[in-house]
Protein backbone atom coordinates (compact mmCIF):
# COMPACT_ATOMS: atom_id res chain seq x y z
CA MET A 1 -12.75 9.92 14.67
CA ILE A 2 -9.78 10.36 12.34
CA THR A 3 -10.78 10.03 8.68
CA LEU A 4 -8.88 9.66 5.43
CA ASN A 5 -9.38 13.36 4.75
CA ASP A 6 -7.73 14.19 8.08
CA VAL A 7 -4.76 12.01 7.14
CA LYS A 8 -4.52 13.38 3.60
CA ASN A 9 -4.43 16.94 4.94
CA HIS A 10 -1.87 16.30 7.65
CA PRO A 11 1.35 18.18 6.79
CA GLN A 12 3.69 15.53 8.21
CA ILE A 13 2.01 12.69 6.33
CA LEU A 14 2.11 14.66 3.09
CA GLU A 15 5.79 15.44 3.60
CA PHE A 16 6.58 11.78 4.30
CA ILE A 17 4.96 10.87 0.97
CA ARG A 18 6.72 13.68 -0.91
CA GLN A 19 10.09 12.64 0.47
CA THR A 20 9.34 9.00 -0.34
CA GLN A 21 8.68 9.95 -3.94
CA ALA A 22 11.93 11.91 -4.05
CA SER A 23 13.84 8.94 -2.60
CA MET A 24 12.30 6.51 -5.08
CA ARG A 25 13.09 8.87 -7.95
CA ALA A 26 16.71 9.10 -6.78
CA LEU A 27 16.88 5.29 -6.80
CA ASP A 28 15.23 5.24 -10.24
CA TYR A 29 12.53 3.07 -8.67
CA THR A 30 8.84 2.83 -9.54
CA GLU A 31 6.42 5.52 -8.38
CA HIS A 32 5.53 5.46 -4.68
CA GLY A 33 4.20 9.00 -4.33
CA PRO A 34 0.77 10.70 -4.32
CA ARG A 35 -0.56 8.76 -7.31
CA HIS A 36 0.14 5.38 -5.71
CA ALA A 37 -1.06 6.52 -2.26
CA ASN A 38 -4.38 7.81 -3.59
CA LEU A 39 -4.99 4.85 -5.88
CA VAL A 40 -4.32 2.30 -3.12
CA ALA A 41 -6.56 4.25 -0.72
CA ARG A 42 -9.43 4.27 -3.23
CA ARG A 43 -8.92 0.62 -4.10
CA ALA A 44 -8.75 -0.38 -0.42
CA ARG A 45 -11.98 1.45 0.43
CA ARG A 46 -13.85 -0.08 -2.49
CA LEU A 47 -12.53 -3.56 -1.78
CA ALA A 48 -13.46 -3.27 1.90
CA GLN A 49 -16.95 -2.17 0.91
CA ASP A 50 -17.36 -4.97 -1.65
CA VAL A 51 -16.41 -7.71 0.82
CA GLY A 52 -18.86 -6.31 3.37
CA LEU A 53 -16.70 -4.60 5.99
CA SER A 54 -18.22 -1.91 8.20
CA LYS A 55 -18.02 1.80 7.32
CA ARG A 56 -15.33 2.34 9.94
CA MET A 57 -13.28 -0.59 8.66
CA GLN A 58 -13.61 0.82 5.15
CA GLU A 59 -12.23 4.13 6.41
CA LEU A 60 -9.33 2.45 8.20
CA ALA A 61 -8.52 0.42 5.09
CA ALA A 62 -8.42 3.61 3.05
CA ILE A 63 -6.15 5.27 5.62
CA GLY A 64 -3.83 2.25 5.63
CA GLY A 65 -3.80 2.23 1.85
CA PHE A 66 -2.85 5.89 1.68
CA CYS A 67 0.00 5.58 4.19
CA GLN A 68 1.41 2.11 3.51
CA ASP A 69 4.49 3.23 1.56
CA MET A 70 5.30 6.51 3.30
CA GLY A 71 8.24 5.04 5.26
CA ASN A 72 10.33 4.50 2.14
CA PHE A 73 12.22 7.77 2.58
CA LEU A 74 13.86 6.24 5.68
CA GLY A 75 14.87 3.03 3.93
CA ARG A 76 13.43 0.75 1.29
CA THR A 77 14.03 -2.66 2.88
CA ARG A 78 12.27 -1.88 6.20
CA HIS A 79 9.85 0.74 4.96
CA HIS A 80 6.79 -1.08 6.29
CA TYR A 81 8.12 -0.82 9.85
CA TRP A 82 9.21 2.80 9.42
CA GLY A 83 5.75 3.70 8.09
CA ALA A 84 4.01 2.00 11.02
CA LEU A 85 6.20 3.80 13.55
CA LEU A 86 5.72 7.17 11.85
CA PHE A 87 1.94 6.74 11.74
CA HIS A 88 1.86 5.85 15.42
CA GLN A 89 4.03 8.85 16.27
CA VAL A 90 1.75 11.26 14.41
CA PHE A 91 -1.63 9.91 15.56
CA GLN A 92 -1.01 8.28 18.94
CA ASP A 93 -2.83 11.07 20.83
CA LYS A 94 -5.45 11.73 18.16
CA MET A 95 -6.90 8.32 17.33
CA ASP A 96 -8.89 5.64 19.12
CA ALA A 97 -6.42 3.01 20.36
CA LYS A 98 -8.08 0.08 18.56
CA ASP A 99 -8.26 1.98 15.28
CA LEU A 100 -4.65 3.11 15.66
CA VAL A 101 -3.38 -0.41 16.24
CA MET A 102 -5.32 -1.74 13.26
CA VAL A 103 -3.76 0.79 10.88
CA VAL A 104 -0.29 0.29 12.37
CA GLN A 105 -0.64 -3.47 11.87
CA ALA A 106 -1.74 -2.93 8.27
CA LEU A 107 1.31 -0.78 7.54
CA ALA A 108 3.74 -3.14 9.26
CA ASN A 109 2.34 -6.26 7.55
CA HIS A 110 1.81 -5.08 3.98
CA ASP A 111 5.26 -5.95 2.65
CA LYS A 112 6.75 -8.86 4.60
CA GLU A 113 7.69 -12.37 3.57
CA ASP A 114 6.56 -13.57 6.97
CA MET A 115 3.44 -11.42 7.20
CA LYS A 116 0.88 -12.64 9.71
CA LEU A 117 -2.59 -11.26 9.07
CA THR A 118 -4.65 -10.63 12.19
CA ASN A 119 -7.35 -8.31 10.85
CA ALA A 120 -9.25 -7.68 7.64
CA VAL A 121 -7.85 -4.16 7.20
CA SER A 122 -4.34 -5.60 6.84
CA ALA A 123 -5.53 -8.08 4.23
CA ILE A 124 -7.33 -5.37 2.27
CA VAL A 125 -4.24 -3.13 2.20
CA VAL A 126 -2.04 -5.97 0.94
CA ILE A 127 -4.31 -6.61 -2.04
CA ALA A 128 -4.87 -2.92 -2.82
CA ASP A 129 -1.13 -2.23 -2.77
CA LYS A 130 0.18 -5.29 -4.60
CA SER A 131 -2.42 -5.04 -7.35
CA ASP A 132 -1.16 -1.60 -8.45
CA VAL A 133 0.82 -2.44 -11.55
CA HIS A 134 0.56 0.05 -14.43
CA ARG A 135 2.74 2.03 -16.81
CA SER A 136 1.98 5.24 -14.91
CA ARG A 137 4.19 3.88 -12.10
CA VAL A 138 7.26 4.12 -14.35
CA ILE A 139 9.08 7.32 -13.44
CA THR A 140 11.68 7.41 -16.23
CA ARG A 141 10.48 8.49 -19.66
CA SER A 142 13.42 6.95 -21.54
CA ILE A 143 12.27 3.86 -23.44
CA LYS A 144 15.87 2.66 -23.49
CA LYS A 145 16.03 2.79 -19.68
CA ILE A 146 12.61 1.19 -19.36
CA LYS A 147 13.61 -1.75 -21.55
CA ALA A 148 16.82 -2.21 -19.54
CA ASP A 149 15.00 -2.74 -16.23
CA ILE A 150 12.56 -5.61 -15.85
CA HIS A 151 10.47 -3.84 -13.16
CA ASP A 152 10.01 -0.80 -15.38
CA ARG A 153 9.49 -3.01 -18.41
CA VAL A 154 6.68 -5.02 -16.85
CA ASN A 155 4.94 -2.03 -15.29
CA TYR A 156 5.16 -0.08 -18.54
CA ALA A 157 3.66 -2.96 -20.48
CA VAL A 158 0.46 -2.86 -18.36
CA THR A 159 -1.89 -0.40 -20.06
CA LYS A 160 -4.96 -1.18 -17.97
CA SER A 161 -5.37 -2.49 -14.42
CA SER A 162 -8.50 -3.02 -12.34
CA LEU A 163 -9.63 -4.96 -9.30
CA ALA A 164 -13.06 -6.57 -9.08
CA VAL A 165 -14.93 -8.59 -6.45
CA ASP A 166 -17.29 -11.42 -7.34
CA THR A 167 -19.24 -11.94 -4.12
CA LYS A 168 -21.20 -14.89 -5.49
CA LYS A 169 -18.12 -16.88 -6.50
CA LYS A 170 -16.12 -15.42 -3.60
CA ARG A 171 -13.32 -14.24 -5.86
CA ILE A 172 -11.17 -11.12 -5.96
CA VAL A 173 -10.00 -10.67 -9.54
CA LEU A 174 -7.08 -8.58 -10.81
CA LYS A 175 -7.66 -7.77 -14.47
CA LEU A 176 -4.70 -6.59 -16.54
CA LYS A 177 -4.21 -5.59 -20.13
CA ILE A 178 -0.58 -6.17 -21.11
CA ASP A 179 1.15 -5.08 -24.30
CA THR A 180 2.79 -8.38 -25.24
CA ASN A 181 4.75 -6.61 -27.97
CA PHE A 182 6.64 -4.88 -25.16
CA VAL A 183 7.07 -7.84 -22.80
CA PRO A 184 5.97 -11.48 -22.79
CA ILE A 185 3.44 -12.35 -20.11
CA MET A 186 5.94 -14.68 -18.45
CA GLU A 187 8.06 -11.67 -17.48
CA TYR A 188 5.13 -10.42 -15.41
CA PHE A 189 5.23 -13.61 -13.35
CA GLU A 190 9.02 -13.44 -13.00
CA ILE A 191 8.61 -10.16 -11.14
CA PHE A 192 5.22 -10.45 -9.45
CA THR A 193 4.96 -14.08 -8.35
CA GLU A 194 5.82 -13.13 -4.76
CA ARG A 195 3.36 -10.24 -4.77
CA MET A 196 0.60 -12.45 -6.10
CA SER A 197 1.27 -14.99 -3.34
CA TYR A 198 0.75 -12.16 -0.83
CA CYS A 199 -2.55 -11.34 -2.52
CA ARG A 200 -3.64 -14.97 -2.42
CA ALA A 201 -2.87 -15.20 1.30
CA ALA A 202 -4.74 -11.95 1.97
CA ALA A 203 -7.76 -13.04 -0.07
CA ASP A 204 -7.82 -16.37 1.78
CA TYR A 205 -7.91 -14.48 5.08
CA LEU A 206 -10.98 -12.62 3.82
CA GLY A 207 -12.64 -15.88 2.75
CA TYR A 208 -12.04 -15.27 -0.96
CA LYS A 209 -9.90 -16.70 -3.74
CA PHE A 210 -7.54 -14.45 -5.69
CA SER A 211 -7.52 -14.64 -9.48
CA ILE A 212 -5.58 -12.94 -12.27
CA VAL A 213 -6.99 -12.31 -15.73
CA ILE A 214 -4.49 -11.05 -18.32
CA ASN A 215 -5.72 -10.01 -21.75
CA SER A 216 -9.03 -11.81 -21.05
CA PHE A 217 -7.26 -15.09 -20.18
CA LYS A 218 -7.65 -16.40 -16.64
CA LEU A 219 -4.24 -17.45 -15.34
CA LEU A 220 -5.02 -18.03 -11.65
């Protein structure tokens, strides 16, 4: 069976991610390269484990997390579809059909206003991806440029980000530490309200509630 290590060592997948990072850099957009891919894969695997998914589902969640943004080099606005098609093209003759479809669905559904979740892997990937907000995602090193762009500003203000699962209270909690001297907390919600609604829908699908704690204050 195809594993995350197989995917991470596949030359085409790695090139898709490298070219995505180059495209995002050219657009002066936040980081979508190896750092993001590896973090989302790790976060997806851990989240899948914490909510009690099987070992194979954990592996598929990690694979989906690693690949979810790799279609960006073909176009930002439809990158979730491009990524799904590319993954299918690469692994269609190498992967069990059910596993393949589950990962393809996860990639296609992770960034859509009208996303329709049909499996737990898709829900896991949504939360793992959308919860990655941190200053290390800011590509530019010019403070002047960072302050001029609200996406960069908000990401740069987040100095610590973690995701935790409370199985007793059935909550998935995103914990952030934000430098409020750099941005007010309200700016975070201006940018990430839509993303957090995706996370809430995904958590609901898993039978959990999604919460946000910023600077030790519970906001959701």
